[in-house]
């Protein structure tokens, strides 16, 4: 089986119709694609967990897939959001470790490198987009809190997050 667009879209349509074998084949092919997609984006020991998160999201969101639209952009969006969630969780966890333990560990170097990389990516975004992505997606603040703090309307915060994440995704894709 090949993981091309037409095949995956066909498998997804069949899976939406209740074909369990097609769904199983779809999950296997998507897992292979995700392994390639995440290679170089996240630590190797975390790839399996991230793939599982994406597959769970695919399962939960499978009814939202529109068979008239391409499959890859749909699954890539899910993968991108799960990846950003993992980065945010990792950053928060590592920050908590630093506060809990005064000694800096070798593994904390990864967090610093990730943060520097993230900051470099943010420099390529308009400041309003970078600011609200930082607040909402990394710090975990609500849209309302970001709106209040930045003076942007809640709608504009959402638009800036969406556009900023889209541009970040394009930048990351271009780098690979």
C-alpha atoms as a PDB file:
ATOM      1  CA  UNK A   1       0.000   0.000   0.000  1.00  0.00           C
ATOM      2  CA  UNK A   2       1.246   3.484  -0.785  1.00  0.00           C
ATOM      3  CA  UNK A   3       0.607   6.517   1.364  1.00  0.00           C
ATOM      4  CA  UNK A   4      -0.246   8.841  -1.504  1.00  0.00           C
ATOM      5  CA  UNK A   5      -3.027  11.432  -1.354  1.00  0.00           C
ATOM      6  CA  UNK A   6      -5.536   9.481  -3.446  1.00  0.00           C
ATOM      7  CA  UNK A   7      -5.059   6.260  -1.491  1.00  0.00           C
ATOM      8  CA  UNK A   8      -5.324   7.915   1.907  1.00  0.00           C
ATOM      9  CA  UNK A   9      -8.385   9.912   0.868  1.00  0.00           C
ATOM     10  CA  UNK A  10     -10.026   6.717  -0.426  1.00  0.00           C
ATOM     11  CA  UNK A  11      -9.205   4.872   2.809  1.00  0.00           C
ATOM     12  CA  UNK A  12     -10.585   7.759   4.872  1.00  0.00           C
ATOM     13  CA  UNK A  13     -13.840   7.779   2.911  1.00  0.00           C
ATOM     14  CA  UNK A  14     -14.181   4.020   3.374  1.00  0.00           C
ATOM     15  CA  UNK A  15     -13.358   4.360   7.086  1.00  0.00           C
ATOM     16  CA  UNK A  16     -16.027   7.039   7.463  1.00  0.00           C
ATOM     17  CA  UNK A  17     -18.468   4.554   5.932  1.00  0.00           C
ATOM     18  CA  UNK A  18     -17.579   1.970   8.582  1.00  0.00           C
ATOM     19  CA  UNK A  19     -14.977  -0.166   6.788  1.00  0.00           C
ATOM     20  CA  UNK A  20     -12.783  -1.409   9.656  1.00  0.00           C
ATOM     21  CA  UNK A  21     -10.058  -2.850   7.431  1.00  0.00           C
ATOM     22  CA  UNK A  22      -9.770   0.420   5.528  1.00  0.00           C
ATOM     23  CA  UNK A  23      -9.590   2.287   8.840  1.00  0.00           C
ATOM     24  CA  UNK A  24      -6.824  -0.005  10.092  1.00  0.00           C
ATOM     25  CA  UNK A  25      -4.872   0.448   6.846  1.00  0.00           C
ATOM     26  CA  UNK A  26      -5.422   4.209   7.041  1.00  0.00           C
ATOM     27  CA  UNK A  27      -4.036   4.367  10.588  1.00  0.00           C
ATOM     28  CA  UNK A  28      -0.962   2.350   9.579  1.00  0.00           C
ATOM     29  CA  UNK A  29      -0.243   4.570   6.574  1.00  0.00           C
ATOM     30  CA  UNK A  30      -0.844   7.767   8.528  1.00  0.00           C
ATOM     31  CA  UNK A  31       1.473   6.526  11.311  1.00  0.00           C
ATOM     32  CA  UNK A  32       4.236   5.946   8.717  1.00  0.00           C
ATOM     33  CA  UNK A  33       3.710   9.406   7.274  1.00  0.00           C
ATOM     34  CA  UNK A  34       3.685  10.982  10.753  1.00  0.00           C
ATOM     35  CA  UNK A  35       6.968   9.287  11.669  1.00  0.00           C
ATOM     36  CA  UNK A  36       8.593  10.981   8.660  1.00  0.00           C
ATOM     37  CA  UNK A  37       6.773  14.264   9.357  1.00  0.00           C
ATOM     38  CA  UNK A  38       7.948  14.482  12.980  1.00  0.00           C
ATOM     39  CA  UNK A  39      11.513  13.275  12.391  1.00  0.00           C
ATOM     40  CA  UNK A  40      13.756  16.247  13.120  1.00  0.00           C
ATOM     41  CA  UNK A  41      10.925  18.242  14.700  1.00  0.00           C
ATOM     42  CA  UNK A  42      10.861  16.510  18.062  1.00  0.00           C
ATOM     43  CA  UNK A  43      13.151  14.294  20.129  1.00  0.00           C
ATOM     44  CA  UNK A  44      13.157  10.719  18.792  1.00  0.00           C
ATOM     45  CA  UNK A  45      11.994   9.259  22.105  1.00  0.00           C
ATOM     46  CA  UNK A  46       8.838  11.405  21.977  1.00  0.00           C
ATOM     47  CA  UNK A  47       7.789  10.625  18.408  1.00  0.00           C
ATOM     48  CA  UNK A  48       5.733   7.529  19.280  1.00  0.00           C
ATOM     49  CA  UNK A  49       3.732   9.422  21.907  1.00  0.00           C
ATOM     50  CA  UNK A  50       3.098  12.260  19.494  1.00  0.00           C
ATOM     51  CA  UNK A  51       2.026   9.864  16.735  1.00  0.00           C
ATOM     52  CA  UNK A  52      -0.441   8.251  19.138  1.00  0.00           C
ATOM     53  CA  UNK A  53      -1.834  11.663  20.064  1.00  0.00           C
ATOM     54  CA  UNK A  54      -2.356  12.507  16.400  1.00  0.00           C
ATOM     55  CA  UNK A  55      -4.017   9.153  15.707  1.00  0.00           C
ATOM     56  CA  UNK A  56      -6.343   9.695  18.666  1.00  0.00           C
ATOM     57  CA  UNK A  57      -7.169  13.148  17.307  1.00  0.00           C
ATOM     58  CA  UNK A  58      -7.747  11.672  13.841  1.00  0.00           C
ATOM     59  CA  UNK A  59     -10.146   9.172  15.412  1.00  0.00           C
ATOM     60  CA  UNK A  60     -11.971  11.870  17.350  1.00  0.00           C
ATOM     61  CA  UNK A  61     -12.169  14.233  14.354  1.00  0.00           C
ATOM     62  CA  UNK A  62     -12.725  11.706  11.554  1.00  0.00           C
ATOM     63  CA  UNK A  63     -16.316  12.824  11.072  1.00  0.00           C
ATOM     64  CA  UNK A  64     -15.099  16.353  10.294  1.00  0.00           C
ATOM     65  CA  UNK A  65     -13.090  15.243   7.270  1.00  0.00           C
ATOM     66  CA  UNK A  66     -14.729  16.437   4.067  1.00  0.00           C
ATOM     67  CA  UNK A  67     -14.222  13.791   1.345  1.00  0.00           C
ATOM     68  CA  UNK A  68     -14.368  16.540  -1.282  1.00  0.00           C
ATOM     69  CA  UNK A  69     -11.168  18.079   0.077  1.00  0.00           C
ATOM     70  CA  UNK A  70      -7.581  16.765   0.066  1.00  0.00           C
ATOM     71  CA  UNK A  71      -6.597  14.486   2.945  1.00  0.00           C
ATOM     72  CA  UNK A  72      -2.991  15.583   3.545  1.00  0.00           C
ATOM     73  CA  UNK A  73      -3.723  19.202   4.518  1.00  0.00           C
ATOM     74  CA  UNK A  74      -6.382  17.954   6.936  1.00  0.00           C
ATOM     75  CA  UNK A  75      -4.088  15.450   8.680  1.00  0.00           C
ATOM     76  CA  UNK A  76      -1.133  17.869   8.521  1.00  0.00           C
ATOM     77  CA  UNK A  77      -3.166  20.482  10.399  1.00  0.00           C
ATOM     78  CA  UNK A  78      -3.984  17.960  13.119  1.00  0.00           C
ATOM     79  CA  UNK A  79      -0.328  16.877  13.288  1.00  0.00           C
ATOM     80  CA  UNK A  80       0.848  20.491  13.490  1.00  0.00           C
ATOM     81  CA  UNK A  81      -1.484  21.330  16.362  1.00  0.00           C
ATOM     82  CA  UNK A  82      -0.554  18.175  18.312  1.00  0.00           C
ATOM     83  CA  UNK A  83       3.143  18.986  17.711  1.00  0.00           C
ATOM     84  CA  UNK A  84       2.676  22.510  19.057  1.00  0.00           C
ATOM     85  CA  UNK A  85       0.791  21.108  22.051  1.00  0.00           C
ATOM     86  CA  UNK A  86       3.715  18.763  22.750  1.00  0.00           C
ATOM     87  CA  UNK A  87       6.207  21.613  22.457  1.00  0.00           C
ATOM     88  CA  UNK A  88       4.140  23.705  24.854  1.00  0.00           C
ATOM     89  CA  UNK A  89       3.750  20.840  27.346  1.00  0.00           C
ATOM     90  CA  UNK A  90       7.450  20.055  27.138  1.00  0.00           C
ATOM     91  CA  UNK A  91       8.354  23.701  27.662  1.00  0.00           C
ATOM     92  CA  UNK A  92       6.038  23.981  30.671  1.00  0.00           C
ATOM     93  CA  UNK A  93       7.316  20.730  32.143  1.00  0.00           C
ATOM     94  CA  UNK A  94      10.928  21.719  31.722  1.00  0.00           C
ATOM     95  CA  UNK A  95      10.277  25.156  33.218  1.00  0.00           C
ATOM     96  CA  UNK A  96       8.630  23.522  36.238  1.00  0.00           C
ATOM     97  CA  UNK A  97      11.644  21.229  36.625  1.00  0.00           C
ATOM     98  CA  UNK A  98      13.978  24.230  36.615  1.00  0.00           C
ATOM     99  CA  UNK A  99      11.940  25.898  39.340  1.00  0.00           C
ATOM    100  CA  UNK A 100      11.733  22.696  41.377  1.00  0.00           C
ATOM    101  CA  UNK A 101      15.389  21.834  41.039  1.00  0.00           C
ATOM    102  CA  UNK A 102      18.037  24.547  41.148  1.00  0.00           C
ATOM    103  CA  UNK A 103      20.608  22.321  39.420  1.00  0.00           C
ATOM    104  CA  UNK A 104      20.486  22.586  35.647  1.00  0.00           C
ATOM    105  CA  UNK A 105      20.460  19.153  34.012  1.00  0.00           C
ATOM    106  CA  UNK A 106      21.898  18.197  30.638  1.00  0.00           C
ATOM    107  CA  UNK A 107      18.372  17.512  29.341  1.00  0.00           C
ATOM    108  CA  UNK A 108      17.439  21.142  29.986  1.00  0.00           C
ATOM    109  CA  UNK A 109      19.714  22.074  27.104  1.00  0.00           C
ATOM    110  CA  UNK A 110      17.062  20.710  24.736  1.00  0.00           C
ATOM    111  CA  UNK A 111      14.512  23.127  26.187  1.00  0.00           C
ATOM    112  CA  UNK A 112      16.843  26.067  25.726  1.00  0.00           C
ATOM    113  CA  UNK A 113      17.580  25.037  22.141  1.00  0.00           C
ATOM    114  CA  UNK A 114      13.850  24.569  21.465  1.00  0.00           C
ATOM    115  CA  UNK A 115      13.077  27.968  22.976  1.00  0.00           C
ATOM    116  CA  UNK A 116      15.794  29.675  20.949  1.00  0.00           C
ATOM    117  CA  UNK A 117      14.477  27.967  17.802  1.00  0.00           C
ATOM    118  CA  UNK A 118      10.941  29.040  18.652  1.00  0.00           C
ATOM    119  CA  UNK A 119      12.079  32.604  19.273  1.00  0.00           C
ATOM    120  CA  UNK A 120      13.829  32.644  15.884  1.00  0.00           C
ATOM    121  CA  UNK A 121      10.633  31.467  14.228  1.00  0.00           C
ATOM    122  CA  UNK A 122       8.626  34.094  16.112  1.00  0.00           C
ATOM    123  CA  UNK A 123      10.982  36.800  14.805  1.00  0.00           C
ATOM    124  CA  UNK A 124       9.703  36.010  11.313  1.00  0.00           C
ATOM    125  CA  UNK A 125       6.094  36.727  12.316  1.00  0.00           C
ATOM    126  CA  UNK A 126       4.417  40.077  12.769  1.00  0.00           C
ATOM    127  CA  UNK A 127       4.742  41.006  16.473  1.00  0.00           C
ATOM    128  CA  UNK A 128       0.967  40.880  17.064  1.00  0.00           C
ATOM    129  CA  UNK A 129       0.841  37.268  15.833  1.00  0.00           C
ATOM    130  CA  UNK A 130       3.886  36.131  17.775  1.00  0.00           C
ATOM    131  CA  UNK A 131       2.605  37.764  20.956  1.00  0.00           C
ATOM    132  CA  UNK A 132      -0.796  36.070  20.935  1.00  0.00           C
ATOM    133  CA  UNK A 133       0.618  32.669  19.919  1.00  0.00           C
ATOM    134  CA  UNK A 134       3.027  32.918  22.845  1.00  0.00           C
ATOM    135  CA  UNK A 135       0.242  33.836  25.257  1.00  0.00           C
ATOM    136  CA  UNK A 136      -2.423  31.384  24.136  1.00  0.00           C
ATOM    137  CA  UNK A 137      -0.561  28.405  22.688  1.00  0.00           C
ATOM    138  CA  UNK A 138       2.567  28.393  24.851  1.00  0.00           C
ATOM    139  CA  UNK A 139       1.602  30.067  28.121  1.00  0.00           C
ATOM    140  CA  UNK A 140      -1.900  28.601  28.020  1.00  0.00           C
ATOM    141  CA  UNK A 141      -3.803  31.835  28.513  1.00  0.00           C
ATOM    142  CA  UNK A 142      -7.355  32.167  27.255  1.00  0.00           C
ATOM    143  CA  UNK A 143      -8.340  34.132  24.171  1.00  0.00           C
ATOM    144  CA  UNK A 144     -10.061  36.636  26.472  1.00  0.00           C
ATOM    145  CA  UNK A 145      -6.908  37.114  28.546  1.00  0.00           C
ATOM    146  CA  UNK A 146      -4.780  37.617  25.431  1.00  0.00           C
ATOM    147  CA  UNK A 147      -7.357  40.037  24.078  1.00  0.00           C
ATOM    148  CA  UNK A 148      -7.347  42.060  27.275  1.00  0.00           C
ATOM    149  CA  UNK A 149      -3.564  42.104  27.581  1.00  0.00           C
ATOM    150  CA  UNK A 150      -2.856  43.029  23.936  1.00  0.00           C
ATOM    151  CA  UNK A 151      -5.828  45.268  23.248  1.00  0.00           C
ATOM    152  CA  UNK A 152      -6.775  43.130  20.253  1.00  0.00           C
ATOM    153  CA  UNK A 153     -10.370  41.970  19.923  1.00  0.00           C
ATOM    154  CA  UNK A 154     -10.989  38.288  20.662  1.00  0.00           C
ATOM    155  CA  UNK A 155     -11.697  37.736  16.957  1.00  0.00           C
ATOM    156  CA  UNK A 156      -8.426  39.382  15.975  1.00  0.00           C
ATOM    157  CA  UNK A 157      -6.543  37.255  18.520  1.00  0.00           C
ATOM    158  CA  UNK A 158      -8.003  34.116  16.907  1.00  0.00           C
ATOM    159  CA  UNK A 159      -7.183  35.350  13.407  1.00  0.00           C
ATOM    160  CA  UNK A 160      -3.617  36.271  14.424  1.00  0.00           C
ATOM    161  CA  UNK A 161      -3.120  32.841  16.022  1.00  0.00           C
ATOM    162  CA  UNK A 162      -4.446  31.085  12.937  1.00  0.00           C
ATOM    163  CA  UNK A 163      -2.378  33.140  10.493  1.00  0.00           C
ATOM    164  CA  UNK A 164       0.725  32.967  12.663  1.00  0.00           C
ATOM    165  CA  UNK A 165       0.517  29.185  13.056  1.00  0.00           C
ATOM    166  CA  UNK A 166      -0.039  28.825   9.342  1.00  0.00           C
ATOM    167  CA  UNK A 167       3.074  30.895   8.622  1.00  0.00           C
ATOM    168  CA  UNK A 168       5.090  28.986  11.250  1.00  0.00           C
ATOM    169  CA  UNK A 169       4.022  25.735   9.660  1.00  0.00           C
ATOM    170  CA  UNK A 170       5.101  26.993   6.235  1.00  0.00           C
ATOM    171  CA  UNK A 171       8.462  28.063   7.654  1.00  0.00           C
ATOM    172  CA  UNK A 172       9.033  24.674   9.283  1.00  0.00           C
ATOM    173  CA  UNK A 173       7.964  22.827   6.123  1.00  0.00           C
ATOM    174  CA  UNK A 174      10.322  24.992   4.050  1.00  0.00           C
ATOM    175  CA  UNK A 175      13.201  24.177   6.404  1.00  0.00           C
ATOM    176  CA  UNK A 176      12.741  20.452   5.858  1.00  0.00           C
END
